[in-house]
N, C-alpha and C. Protein backbone atom coordinates (compact mmCIF):
# COMPACT_ATOMS: atom_id res chain seq x y z
N MET A 1 114.92 201.95 156.94
CA MET A 1 115.80 200.89 156.66
C MET A 1 117.28 201.27 155.60
N LEU A 2 118.61 201.76 156.47
CA LEU A 2 119.89 202.10 155.56
C LEU A 2 119.49 203.42 154.56
N ASP A 3 118.15 204.07 155.24
CA ASP A 3 118.32 205.23 154.67
C ASP A 3 119.66 206.09 154.41
N HIS A 4 120.49 205.74 154.98
CA HIS A 4 121.78 206.92 154.72
C HIS A 4 122.68 205.92 153.69
N LEU A 5 122.50 204.71 153.77
CA LEU A 5 123.05 204.33 152.47
C LEU A 5 122.68 204.82 150.96
N LYS A 6 120.77 204.99 151.09
CA LYS A 6 120.44 205.27 149.85
C LYS A 6 120.35 207.09 149.81
N LYS A 7 120.61 207.42 150.73
CA LYS A 7 120.57 209.09 150.63
C LYS A 7 121.92 209.30 149.58
N LYS A 8 123.34 208.26 150.74
CA LYS A 8 124.34 208.60 149.75
C LYS A 8 124.71 208.46 148.57
N ASN A 9 123.57 207.34 147.95
CA ASN A 9 123.60 207.02 146.58
C ASN A 9 122.91 207.91 145.66
N ARG A 10 121.91 208.66 146.08
CA ARG A 10 121.30 209.54 145.34
C ARG A 10 122.37 211.08 145.12
N ILE A 11 123.01 211.13 146.02
CA ILE A 11 124.10 211.93 146.17
C ILE A 11 125.27 211.42 145.22
N TRP A 12 125.60 210.07 145.43
CA TRP A 12 126.82 209.99 144.15
C TRP A 12 126.23 210.06 142.76
N ALA A 13 125.32 209.73 142.63
CA ALA A 13 124.61 209.82 141.61
C ALA A 13 124.43 211.25 140.84
N GLU A 14 123.87 212.00 141.62
CA GLU A 14 123.85 213.16 140.99
C GLU A 14 125.32 214.40 140.97
N ARG A 15 125.94 213.51 141.80
CA ARG A 15 127.64 214.47 141.55
C ARG A 15 128.14 213.52 140.23
N LYS A 16 127.97 212.61 139.91
CA LYS A 16 128.16 211.86 138.38
C LYS A 16 127.79 212.49 137.43
N VAL A 17 125.98 213.03 137.50
CA VAL A 17 125.63 212.94 136.23
C VAL A 17 125.85 214.82 136.11
N ALA A 18 126.46 215.58 137.25
CA ALA A 18 126.81 216.87 137.10
C ALA A 18 128.32 217.35 136.68
N THR A 19 129.09 216.33 136.72
CA THR A 19 130.69 216.19 136.10
C THR A 19 130.51 215.39 134.73
N ASP A 20 129.18 214.61 134.33
CA ASP A 20 129.25 213.75 132.99
C ASP A 20 127.68 213.59 132.88
N SER A 21 127.22 214.19 132.53
CA SER A 21 125.41 213.93 132.29
C SER A 21 125.74 212.89 131.39
N ASP A 22 126.24 212.59 130.67
CA ASP A 22 126.05 211.11 130.03
C ASP A 22 126.49 209.88 130.28
N PHE A 23 126.55 209.92 131.57
CA PHE A 23 127.60 208.69 132.42
C PHE A 23 126.74 207.89 132.44
N PHE A 24 125.71 207.40 133.03
CA PHE A 24 124.87 206.71 132.99
C PHE A 24 124.51 206.32 132.23
N LYS A 25 124.09 207.02 130.79
CA LYS A 25 123.67 206.62 129.77
C LYS A 25 124.54 205.84 128.79
N ARG A 26 125.71 206.20 129.05
CA ARG A 26 126.92 205.58 128.13
C ARG A 26 127.51 204.06 129.10
N LEU A 27 126.88 204.04 130.29
CA LEU A 27 127.21 202.92 131.49
C LEU A 27 126.16 201.81 130.86
N ALA A 28 124.82 202.23 130.95
CA ALA A 28 124.00 201.48 130.32
C ALA A 28 123.98 200.95 128.91
N ARG A 29 124.63 201.49 128.43
CA ARG A 29 124.59 200.68 127.09
C ARG A 29 125.74 199.37 126.41
N GLN A 30 126.82 199.62 127.10
CA GLN A 30 127.40 198.69 127.58
C GLN A 30 128.61 198.00 128.20
N GLN A 31 129.16 197.47 128.67
CA GLN A 31 130.77 196.91 129.58
C GLN A 31 131.61 196.03 128.70
N ALA A 32 132.30 197.36 128.56
CA ALA A 32 133.73 197.03 127.93
C ALA A 32 134.66 197.15 128.49
N PRO A 33 135.07 196.35 129.95
CA PRO A 33 136.23 197.22 130.64
C PRO A 33 137.78 196.13 130.27
N GLU A 34 138.85 196.65 129.93
CA GLU A 34 139.98 195.84 129.60
C GLU A 34 140.60 194.86 130.97
N TYR A 35 139.86 194.87 131.87
CA TYR A 35 140.74 194.57 133.36
C TYR A 35 139.94 193.62 134.17
N LEU A 36 140.18 192.70 134.55
CA LEU A 36 139.36 191.46 135.47
C LEU A 36 140.36 192.12 136.50
N TRP A 37 139.56 192.13 137.68
CA TRP A 37 140.15 192.19 138.97
C TRP A 37 139.58 190.98 139.91
N ILE A 38 140.83 190.17 140.72
CA ILE A 38 140.62 189.04 141.28
C ILE A 38 141.35 189.38 142.66
N GLY A 39 140.27 189.79 143.84
CA GLY A 39 141.05 190.25 144.59
C GLY A 39 139.94 189.81 146.13
N CYS A 40 140.45 190.35 147.24
CA CYS A 40 140.13 189.86 148.63
C CYS A 40 139.09 190.50 149.04
N SER A 41 138.23 190.11 150.00
CA SER A 41 136.86 190.31 149.79
C SER A 41 136.70 191.58 151.08
N ASP A 42 138.18 191.55 151.48
CA ASP A 42 138.14 192.37 152.76
C ASP A 42 137.11 194.31 152.38
N SER A 43 136.60 194.91 153.47
CA SER A 43 136.15 196.04 153.01
C SER A 43 137.28 197.38 152.90
N ARG A 44 138.43 196.96 153.33
CA ARG A 44 139.16 197.96 152.77
C ARG A 44 139.98 198.22 152.01
N VAL A 45 139.71 197.07 150.90
CA VAL A 45 140.20 196.62 149.99
C VAL A 45 139.31 197.09 148.55
N PRO A 46 138.83 198.15 147.92
CA PRO A 46 138.05 198.56 147.00
C PRO A 46 138.62 198.37 145.78
N ALA A 47 138.41 197.85 145.22
CA ALA A 47 139.37 197.41 143.24
C ALA A 47 139.44 198.63 142.66
N THR A 48 137.87 199.49 142.42
CA THR A 48 138.16 200.32 141.15
C THR A 48 138.62 201.77 142.01
N GLU A 49 138.41 201.62 143.29
CA GLU A 49 138.79 203.00 143.56
C GLU A 49 140.52 203.28 144.00
N ILE A 50 140.93 201.86 144.11
CA ILE A 50 142.24 201.84 144.61
C ILE A 50 143.29 202.37 142.85
N VAL A 51 142.97 201.85 142.45
CA VAL A 51 143.61 202.43 140.60
C VAL A 51 142.66 203.59 140.03
N ASP A 52 141.60 204.19 140.81
CA ASP A 52 141.00 205.35 140.49
C ASP A 52 140.08 205.00 138.91
N LEU A 53 139.49 203.85 139.22
CA LEU A 53 138.53 203.89 137.76
C LEU A 53 136.95 204.18 138.30
N ASP A 54 136.34 204.42 137.30
CA ASP A 54 135.01 204.97 137.05
C ASP A 54 134.45 203.23 137.10
N PRO A 55 133.24 203.11 137.37
CA PRO A 55 132.28 202.02 137.04
C PRO A 55 131.93 201.73 135.96
N GLY A 56 132.42 200.28 135.29
CA GLY A 56 132.67 199.88 133.95
C GLY A 56 133.92 199.89 133.41
N GLU A 57 134.78 200.27 134.11
CA GLU A 57 136.06 199.93 133.54
C GLU A 57 136.98 199.07 134.21
N MET A 58 136.13 198.15 135.04
CA MET A 58 136.89 196.77 135.64
C MET A 58 135.83 196.02 135.91
N PHE A 59 136.16 194.57 135.51
CA PHE A 59 134.97 193.48 136.04
C PHE A 59 135.77 193.31 137.26
N VAL A 60 135.29 192.73 138.20
CA VAL A 60 135.58 192.66 139.71
C VAL A 60 135.49 191.00 139.84
N HIS A 61 135.82 190.28 140.49
CA HIS A 61 135.57 189.19 141.59
C HIS A 61 136.29 189.13 142.58
N ARG A 62 135.49 189.28 143.81
CA ARG A 62 136.21 189.12 144.84
C ARG A 62 135.96 187.78 146.01
N ASN A 63 136.78 187.35 146.42
CA ASN A 63 136.56 186.54 147.60
C ASN A 63 137.43 186.34 148.78
N ILE A 64 137.23 185.34 149.67
CA ILE A 64 138.43 185.77 151.24
C ILE A 64 139.73 185.11 150.86
N ALA A 65 140.77 186.10 150.75
CA ALA A 65 142.20 185.97 150.61
C ALA A 65 142.65 185.56 148.83
N ASN A 66 141.55 186.40 147.94
CA ASN A 66 142.02 186.62 147.12
C ASN A 66 142.74 185.01 146.28
N LEU A 67 141.41 184.21 146.10
CA LEU A 67 142.10 182.94 145.46
C LEU A 67 141.41 182.41 143.90
N ALA A 68 142.24 181.52 143.55
CA ALA A 68 141.88 181.63 141.89
C ALA A 68 141.92 180.06 141.95
N PRO A 69 140.70 179.36 142.64
CA PRO A 69 141.03 178.00 142.87
C PRO A 69 140.45 177.23 141.62
N PRO A 70 141.09 176.57 141.15
CA PRO A 70 141.01 175.59 139.53
C PRO A 70 139.15 174.69 139.87
N GLN A 71 138.66 174.66 141.07
CA GLN A 71 137.37 173.93 141.57
C GLN A 71 136.64 174.66 141.42
N ASP A 72 136.75 175.58 141.66
CA ASP A 72 135.34 177.01 142.22
C ASP A 72 134.85 177.25 140.85
N ALA A 73 133.25 176.91 140.92
CA ALA A 73 132.79 177.38 139.80
C ALA A 73 132.52 178.85 139.78
N ASN A 74 132.19 179.67 140.81
CA ASN A 74 132.00 180.71 140.84
C ASN A 74 133.11 181.43 139.99
N TYR A 75 134.23 181.57 140.68
CA TYR A 75 135.76 181.93 139.96
C TYR A 75 135.62 181.57 138.97
N LEU A 76 135.44 180.46 138.46
CA LEU A 76 135.71 180.21 136.99
C LEU A 76 134.62 180.73 135.87
N SER A 77 133.35 180.77 136.43
CA SER A 77 132.15 181.51 135.69
C SER A 77 132.46 182.80 135.29
N VAL A 78 133.15 183.64 136.35
CA VAL A 78 133.66 184.97 136.04
C VAL A 78 134.83 185.03 135.50
N LEU A 79 135.64 184.14 135.63
CA LEU A 79 136.82 184.25 134.25
C LEU A 79 136.46 184.08 133.10
N GLN A 80 135.43 183.02 132.50
CA GLN A 80 134.95 182.79 131.37
C GLN A 80 134.37 183.57 130.72
N PHE A 81 133.26 184.32 131.72
CA PHE A 81 132.82 185.44 131.38
C PHE A 81 133.90 186.65 130.83
N ALA A 82 135.07 187.05 131.70
CA ALA A 82 135.89 187.97 131.18
C ALA A 82 136.44 188.16 130.14
N VAL A 83 136.61 186.59 129.99
CA VAL A 83 138.09 186.26 128.79
C VAL A 83 137.24 186.01 127.45
N GLU A 84 136.28 185.41 127.65
CA GLU A 84 135.86 184.89 126.30
C GLU A 84 134.53 186.26 125.51
N VAL A 85 133.41 186.73 126.77
CA VAL A 85 132.69 187.42 126.40
C VAL A 85 133.17 189.39 126.30
N ILE A 86 133.47 189.36 127.74
CA ILE A 86 134.28 190.83 127.48
C ILE A 86 135.72 191.13 126.97
N LYS A 87 136.27 190.13 126.64
CA LYS A 87 137.82 189.83 126.30
C LYS A 87 138.02 190.85 127.15
N VAL A 88 138.67 190.88 128.07
CA VAL A 88 139.05 191.72 128.90
C VAL A 88 141.04 191.49 128.73
N ARG A 89 141.82 192.18 128.56
CA ARG A 89 143.18 192.13 128.33
C ARG A 89 144.21 192.21 129.01
N HIS A 90 143.98 192.60 130.49
CA HIS A 90 144.63 192.22 131.69
C HIS A 90 143.64 191.51 132.73
N ILE A 91 144.62 190.56 133.22
CA ILE A 91 143.62 189.46 134.95
C ILE A 91 144.87 190.23 135.97
N LEU A 92 143.75 190.92 136.43
CA LEU A 92 145.18 191.37 137.70
C LEU A 92 144.71 190.73 139.20
N VAL A 93 145.62 189.80 139.68
CA VAL A 93 145.53 188.92 140.71
C VAL A 93 146.09 189.75 142.04
N VAL A 94 145.25 190.44 142.73
CA VAL A 94 145.54 191.51 144.02
C VAL A 94 145.08 191.09 145.37
N GLY A 95 146.04 190.53 145.76
CA GLY A 95 146.47 190.53 147.41
C GLY A 95 146.32 192.17 148.47
N HIS A 96 146.28 191.36 149.62
CA HIS A 96 146.86 193.00 150.42
C HIS A 96 147.44 192.19 151.67
N TYR A 97 148.49 193.02 152.41
CA TYR A 97 149.61 192.62 153.27
C TYR A 97 148.17 192.83 154.64
N GLY A 98 148.98 191.92 155.62
CA GLY A 98 148.19 191.54 156.65
C GLY A 98 146.54 191.07 156.38
N CYS A 99 146.56 190.28 155.40
CA CYS A 99 145.13 189.40 155.08
C CYS A 99 144.77 188.81 156.07
N GLY A 100 143.64 189.05 156.74
CA GLY A 100 142.98 187.82 157.63
C GLY A 100 142.69 186.61 157.16
N GLY A 101 142.72 186.23 155.85
CA GLY A 101 142.16 184.88 155.62
C GLY A 101 143.58 184.18 155.50
N VAL A 102 144.43 184.91 155.03
CA VAL A 102 145.89 184.25 154.95
C VAL A 102 146.44 183.90 156.70
N HIS A 103 146.34 184.87 157.33
CA HIS A 103 146.45 184.59 158.64
C HIS A 103 146.03 183.58 159.28
N ALA A 104 144.69 183.40 159.14
CA ALA A 104 143.95 182.12 159.39
C ALA A 104 144.43 181.26 158.91
N ALA A 105 144.73 180.98 157.66
CA ALA A 105 145.53 180.00 157.13
C ALA A 105 146.60 179.25 157.94
N MET A 106 147.48 180.65 158.03
CA MET A 106 148.63 180.37 158.57
C MET A 106 148.60 179.80 159.88
N HIS A 107 147.61 180.01 160.45
CA HIS A 107 147.45 179.89 161.94
C HIS A 107 146.30 178.84 162.78
N ASN A 108 145.86 178.10 161.30
CA ASN A 108 145.11 177.44 161.33
C ASN A 108 143.70 177.52 162.51
N LYS A 109 143.71 178.84 162.07
CA LYS A 109 142.39 179.42 162.90
C LYS A 109 141.24 179.44 162.22
N THR A 110 140.53 178.10 161.20
CA THR A 110 139.53 178.51 160.84
C THR A 110 138.80 177.23 160.87
N SER A 111 137.53 177.14 160.43
CA SER A 111 136.65 176.06 161.04
C SER A 111 135.75 175.58 159.76
N SER A 112 135.38 174.72 159.38
CA SER A 112 134.14 173.95 158.81
C SER A 112 134.51 174.85 157.26
N MET A 113 133.47 175.61 156.72
CA MET A 113 133.66 175.90 155.27
C MET A 113 135.12 176.84 154.58
N CYS A 114 135.21 177.81 156.03
CA CYS A 114 136.69 178.24 155.70
C CYS A 114 137.77 177.95 155.52
N ASP A 115 137.62 176.43 156.60
CA ASP A 115 138.75 175.72 156.76
C ASP A 115 138.90 174.89 155.22
N HIS A 116 138.30 174.79 154.41
CA HIS A 116 138.59 174.02 153.41
C HIS A 116 138.76 175.48 152.36
N TRP A 117 137.90 176.09 152.29
CA TRP A 117 138.16 177.08 151.48
C TRP A 117 139.77 177.92 151.80
N LEU A 118 140.33 177.69 152.54
CA LEU A 118 141.53 178.26 152.84
C LEU A 118 143.13 177.20 152.28
N HIS A 119 142.43 176.06 152.35
CA HIS A 119 143.37 175.08 152.79
C HIS A 119 144.53 175.37 151.52
N PRO A 120 144.29 175.74 150.28
CA PRO A 120 145.34 175.84 149.46
C PRO A 120 146.61 176.78 150.10
N ILE A 121 146.10 178.20 151.00
CA ILE A 121 146.97 178.67 151.41
C ILE A 121 148.01 178.03 152.06
N ARG A 122 147.35 177.30 153.02
CA ARG A 122 148.50 176.22 153.68
C ARG A 122 149.39 175.46 153.09
N GLU A 123 148.73 174.94 151.90
CA GLU A 123 149.55 173.93 151.17
C GLU A 123 150.83 174.84 150.57
N THR A 124 150.44 176.19 150.21
CA THR A 124 151.83 177.30 149.83
C THR A 124 152.37 177.49 150.91
N ALA A 125 152.34 177.39 151.96
CA ALA A 125 153.17 177.52 153.10
C ALA A 125 153.83 176.61 153.66
N ARG A 126 153.17 175.58 153.39
CA ARG A 126 154.28 174.41 153.57
C ARG A 126 155.11 173.99 152.64
N GLU A 127 154.79 174.67 151.31
CA GLU A 127 155.75 174.52 150.11
C GLU A 127 157.03 175.34 150.10
N HIS A 128 156.80 176.40 150.78
CA HIS A 128 157.56 177.65 150.92
C HIS A 128 158.15 177.71 152.53
N GLN A 129 158.28 176.62 153.40
CA GLN A 129 157.80 176.47 155.04
C GLN A 129 159.52 177.16 155.35
N HIS A 130 160.42 176.64 154.38
CA HIS A 130 161.83 176.58 154.64
C HIS A 130 162.35 178.24 153.90
N GLU A 131 161.25 179.25 153.52
CA GLU A 131 161.72 180.36 153.41
C GLU A 131 160.93 181.24 154.14
N LEU A 132 159.80 180.51 154.76
CA LEU A 132 159.04 181.39 155.86
C LEU A 132 159.73 181.43 157.28
N ASP A 133 160.26 180.49 157.02
CA ASP A 133 160.97 180.27 158.59
C ASP A 133 162.23 181.00 159.23
N GLN A 134 162.66 181.75 157.72
CA GLN A 134 164.02 182.62 157.82
C GLN A 134 163.48 184.00 158.40
N PHE A 135 162.41 184.02 158.34
CA PHE A 135 161.70 185.96 159.22
C PHE A 135 161.46 185.32 160.32
N GLU A 136 161.79 186.67 161.05
CA GLU A 136 161.94 186.44 163.01
C GLU A 136 160.56 186.81 163.37
N HIS A 137 160.07 187.67 162.69
CA HIS A 137 159.06 188.34 163.06
C HIS A 137 157.22 187.68 162.21
N ASP A 138 156.44 187.45 163.03
CA ASP A 138 155.09 186.63 162.34
C ASP A 138 154.51 187.56 161.52
N HIS A 139 155.04 188.92 161.31
CA HIS A 139 154.12 189.70 160.84
C HIS A 139 154.90 190.25 159.66
N ASP A 140 156.23 189.84 159.02
CA ASP A 140 156.56 189.59 158.29
C ASP A 140 156.29 187.94 157.42
N ARG A 141 156.42 187.24 158.41
CA ARG A 141 156.16 185.98 157.76
C ARG A 141 154.96 185.95 157.08
N LEU A 142 154.08 186.47 157.98
CA LEU A 142 152.56 186.71 157.10
C LEU A 142 152.54 187.60 155.84
N ASN A 143 153.13 188.52 155.49
CA ASN A 143 153.21 189.44 154.27
C ASN A 143 153.59 188.98 153.30
N ARG A 144 155.17 188.32 153.60
CA ARG A 144 155.69 187.19 152.85
C ARG A 144 154.44 186.16 152.20
N LEU A 145 153.85 185.23 152.73
CA LEU A 145 152.86 184.61 152.30
C LEU A 145 151.71 184.70 151.82
N CYS A 146 151.37 186.29 152.33
CA CYS A 146 150.44 187.41 151.23
C CYS A 146 151.00 187.05 149.61
N GLU A 147 152.20 187.47 149.62
CA GLU A 147 152.88 187.47 148.32
C GLU A 147 152.89 185.93 147.56
N LEU A 148 153.40 184.74 148.46
CA LEU A 148 153.50 183.74 147.76
C LEU A 148 152.11 183.02 147.43
N ASN A 149 151.12 183.80 147.96
CA ASN A 149 149.70 183.39 147.47
C ASN A 149 149.12 183.99 146.34
N VAL A 150 149.63 185.23 146.21
CA VAL A 150 149.46 185.76 144.86
C VAL A 150 149.97 185.27 144.07
N ILE A 151 151.11 185.05 143.84
CA ILE A 151 152.15 184.38 142.90
C ILE A 151 151.32 182.92 142.73
N GLN A 152 150.92 182.38 143.20
CA GLN A 152 150.32 180.98 143.24
C GLN A 152 148.93 180.89 142.55
N GLN A 153 148.26 182.13 142.67
CA GLN A 153 146.86 182.40 142.22
C GLN A 153 146.92 182.86 140.86
N VAL A 154 147.86 183.63 140.68
CA VAL A 154 148.62 184.08 139.03
C VAL A 154 148.92 182.72 138.52
N ARG A 155 149.76 181.73 138.83
CA ARG A 155 149.95 180.64 138.33
C ARG A 155 148.63 179.57 138.12
N ASN A 156 147.95 179.61 138.96
CA ASN A 156 146.56 179.17 138.73
C ASN A 156 145.74 179.58 137.91
N VAL A 157 145.66 180.93 137.60
CA VAL A 157 144.77 181.85 136.49
C VAL A 157 145.63 181.59 134.98
N SER A 158 146.97 181.61 135.00
CA SER A 158 147.54 181.77 133.58
C SER A 158 147.50 180.08 133.13
N ARG A 159 147.52 179.05 133.81
CA ARG A 159 147.23 178.23 133.34
C ARG A 159 145.88 177.42 133.37
N ASP A 160 145.06 178.12 133.85
CA ASP A 160 143.63 177.56 133.48
C ASP A 160 143.53 177.37 131.76
N VAL A 161 142.58 176.28 131.71
CA VAL A 161 142.52 176.03 130.00
C VAL A 161 141.67 177.13 129.84
N ILE A 162 140.71 178.19 130.11
CA ILE A 162 139.60 179.19 129.85
C ILE A 162 140.94 180.03 129.30
N VAL A 163 142.44 180.41 130.02
CA VAL A 163 143.03 181.65 129.52
C VAL A 163 144.22 180.59 128.67
N GLN A 164 144.31 179.38 128.67
CA GLN A 164 145.38 179.03 127.78
C GLN A 164 144.43 178.74 126.27
N THR A 165 143.47 178.49 126.44
CA THR A 165 142.72 178.65 125.11
C THR A 165 142.79 179.84 124.32
N ALA A 166 142.14 180.65 125.12
CA ALA A 166 142.22 182.13 124.87
C ALA A 166 143.78 182.51 123.88
N TRP A 167 144.92 182.30 124.51
CA TRP A 167 146.10 182.46 123.91
C TRP A 167 146.28 181.57 122.74
N GLU A 168 145.69 180.44 122.98
CA GLU A 168 145.72 179.62 121.44
C GLU A 168 145.09 180.27 120.30
N ARG A 169 143.83 181.04 120.44
CA ARG A 169 143.36 181.67 119.52
C ARG A 169 143.96 183.26 119.35
N GLY A 170 144.93 183.32 119.81
CA GLY A 170 145.95 184.98 119.41
C GLY A 170 145.18 185.49 120.47
N GLN A 171 144.23 185.22 121.33
CA GLN A 171 143.67 186.51 122.25
C GLN A 171 145.03 187.33 123.18
N GLN A 172 145.14 188.29 123.37
CA GLN A 172 145.93 189.08 124.05
C GLN A 172 145.67 188.97 125.34
N ILE A 173 146.17 188.27 126.23
CA ILE A 173 145.92 188.50 127.71
C ILE A 173 147.14 188.44 128.49
N SER A 174 147.26 189.59 129.53
CA SER A 174 148.22 189.18 130.60
C SER A 174 147.71 189.34 132.11
N VAL A 175 148.16 188.15 132.82
CA VAL A 175 148.23 187.76 133.86
C VAL A 175 148.45 188.62 135.07
N HIS A 176 148.73 189.55 135.84
CA HIS A 176 149.56 190.41 136.78
C HIS A 176 149.24 189.95 138.31
N GLY A 177 150.06 189.67 139.04
CA GLY A 177 150.26 189.49 140.41
C GLY A 177 150.58 190.83 141.16
N TRP A 178 149.65 191.39 141.82
CA TRP A 178 149.77 192.75 142.77
C TRP A 178 149.65 192.37 144.17
N VAL A 179 150.27 193.45 144.89
CA VAL A 179 150.03 192.97 146.60
C VAL A 179 149.88 194.64 146.88
N TYR A 180 148.39 194.57 147.40
CA TYR A 180 148.34 196.10 148.31
C TYR A 180 148.82 196.39 149.60
N SER A 181 148.92 197.40 149.80
CA SER A 181 149.41 197.89 151.51
C SER A 181 148.29 198.74 152.06
N LEU A 182 147.72 198.28 152.91
CA LEU A 182 146.55 199.11 153.62
C LEU A 182 147.46 200.13 154.38
N SER A 183 148.59 200.21 154.82
CA SER A 183 149.09 201.12 155.42
C SER A 183 149.71 202.27 154.89
N ASN A 184 149.47 202.40 153.48
CA ASN A 184 150.15 203.51 152.49
C ASN A 184 149.31 203.73 151.32
N GLY A 185 148.28 203.04 150.53
CA GLY A 185 147.40 202.34 149.90
C GLY A 185 148.13 202.84 148.36
N LEU A 186 149.22 201.85 148.44
CA LEU A 186 149.89 201.55 147.41
C LEU A 186 150.05 200.33 147.22
N VAL A 187 150.28 199.86 145.66
CA VAL A 187 150.16 198.53 145.21
C VAL A 187 151.60 198.21 144.73
N LYS A 188 151.79 197.19 145.39
CA LYS A 188 153.24 196.88 144.57
C LYS A 188 153.57 195.60 143.53
N ASP A 189 154.04 195.83 142.41
CA ASP A 189 154.00 194.73 141.32
C ASP A 189 154.78 193.65 141.69
N LEU A 190 154.64 192.50 142.00
CA LEU A 190 155.47 191.18 142.41
C LEU A 190 156.44 190.85 140.90
N GLU A 191 156.13 191.13 140.02
CA GLU A 191 156.81 191.35 138.79
C GLU A 191 156.78 189.55 138.00
N VAL A 192 155.86 188.95 138.24
CA VAL A 192 155.32 187.78 137.69
C VAL A 192 154.09 187.65 136.72
N THR A 193 154.07 188.90 135.67
CA THR A 193 153.66 188.81 134.63
C THR A 193 153.40 187.63 133.61
N VAL A 194 152.55 187.53 133.59
CA VAL A 194 152.20 186.05 132.55
C VAL A 194 151.63 186.33 131.24
N ARG A 195 152.37 186.23 130.03
CA ARG A 195 151.56 187.01 128.69
C ARG A 195 151.84 186.03 128.22
N ASN A 196 151.96 184.67 128.08
CA ASN A 196 151.59 183.14 127.26
C ASN A 196 152.36 181.97 127.67
N PRO A 197 151.68 181.11 127.11
CA PRO A 197 151.85 179.55 127.51
C PRO A 197 153.34 179.60 128.15
N VAL A 198 154.25 179.90 127.60
CA VAL A 198 155.53 179.60 127.70
C VAL A 198 155.74 180.29 129.09
N ASP A 199 155.39 181.40 129.30
CA ASP A 199 155.53 182.56 130.84
C ASP A 199 154.79 181.30 131.82
N ALA A 200 153.81 180.87 131.64
CA ALA A 200 152.80 180.56 132.31
C ALA A 200 153.49 179.11 133.14
N GLY A 201 154.49 178.04 132.10
CA GLY A 201 155.07 177.24 132.03
C GLY A 201 156.35 177.21 132.82
N LYS A 202 156.98 178.85 132.75
CA LYS A 202 158.35 178.75 133.77
C LYS A 202 157.52 179.53 135.14
N LEU A 203 156.59 179.89 135.77
CA LEU A 203 155.83 180.40 137.02
C LEU A 203 155.98 179.42 137.73
């Protein structure tokens, strides 16, 4: 079963050791990444590969449509561990254009658990309906909603008590909002970086 994946794993491990004999020894000793990536589960958006980082250099949390909902225990556990234990310096909320989750929310094409999960995106769409209606093509509306969703999640992260408390004790954390393009492999910085409680209040 899955012998091809196991073979690929062995080749990958051998390649790593060939270029850096201490790679896995060093990796096993500690985990001290500077970055937390909150991204989409989409298989076409591999977090560390997009920014060309090795294992151990980025702490990663992924879910459908890169949400950071304040009621989700899984996301909050990751956030708390990243901030309080690993002490990351940068939190990157990274969406991607053409996101299937955002598309499903925009067109109400969801059911059961997914419907509940994607509800915050529908709220964001309603809040910005006037802006979205200005776009002639559905493709452009979708991409703008992908950006608006990232901005909302940056707002959620930066206003969470875990991050706010870290800032109060002097911890340096920046929360960034990016969108990845599947068509060219590039990320777009939405320029909504939050570095302190004052910035968070303005977003």
